[in-house]
Amino acid sequence: MIELKTLKEQDVQYFYSWINDDEVIKYSLSVFQKMEAKEEIDSWFKELLNNTENLQLGIYIKGANQLIGYAGISNISKFNKSGEYFIFIGDKTQWGRGISTEVTKQILEIGFNKLGLNRIMLTVSEPNIGGVKSYLKAGFKQEGILREASFRDGQFHNKIVMSVLKSEWKEVS
């Protein structure tokens, strides 16, 4: 269904429409909320490609070489053997097809088996019900709530803190 591959410079073109679509960025990075101009997106994407501290991979439709989003692990601590999972699916035609869960499982496998991590966490906006369900299916467990930690659509909402440990993940996969 999908394959994870290194992002390429020309992939920035997809982000122009995605980042300017309020529905697509609703629960995404706060930086997406303020980017509009092509130059801002170009600058952000160039930094993304040059960042060697984080794991970030493009999500492509298998065999079509069509980018539909990106995912990975940021804030990797080699000392603590931990990191923070993220996923962004910009192509709305691919929403609700189980891709998020599949990508999450693949990134967890890389994080635990290739990067040697012990704990991978994330935060998800409470109203993002599809995201919460996907993370639970992939093995994440809720740890807590960050109260009114996000401001979207003119109101505050909670963020859910979730994590999965390598020892727990082995049971899921």
Foldseek 3Di string as FASTA:
>chain_A
DKDWAADDLVVLVLVQVLLVDCVQCQWHDPVSVPDHDSVSSSVVVVVVNVDPQWDKTFIGDPPPRHTQWMWTWPPQDLVQLETETDIGGRRPVCPPVLPLLVVLLVRVCCSCPVVVGFKYKYKTWPVPVSVVVSCVLQQKDWDAKDQQPDAGPRGGTIITMIMHGPVRNVVND
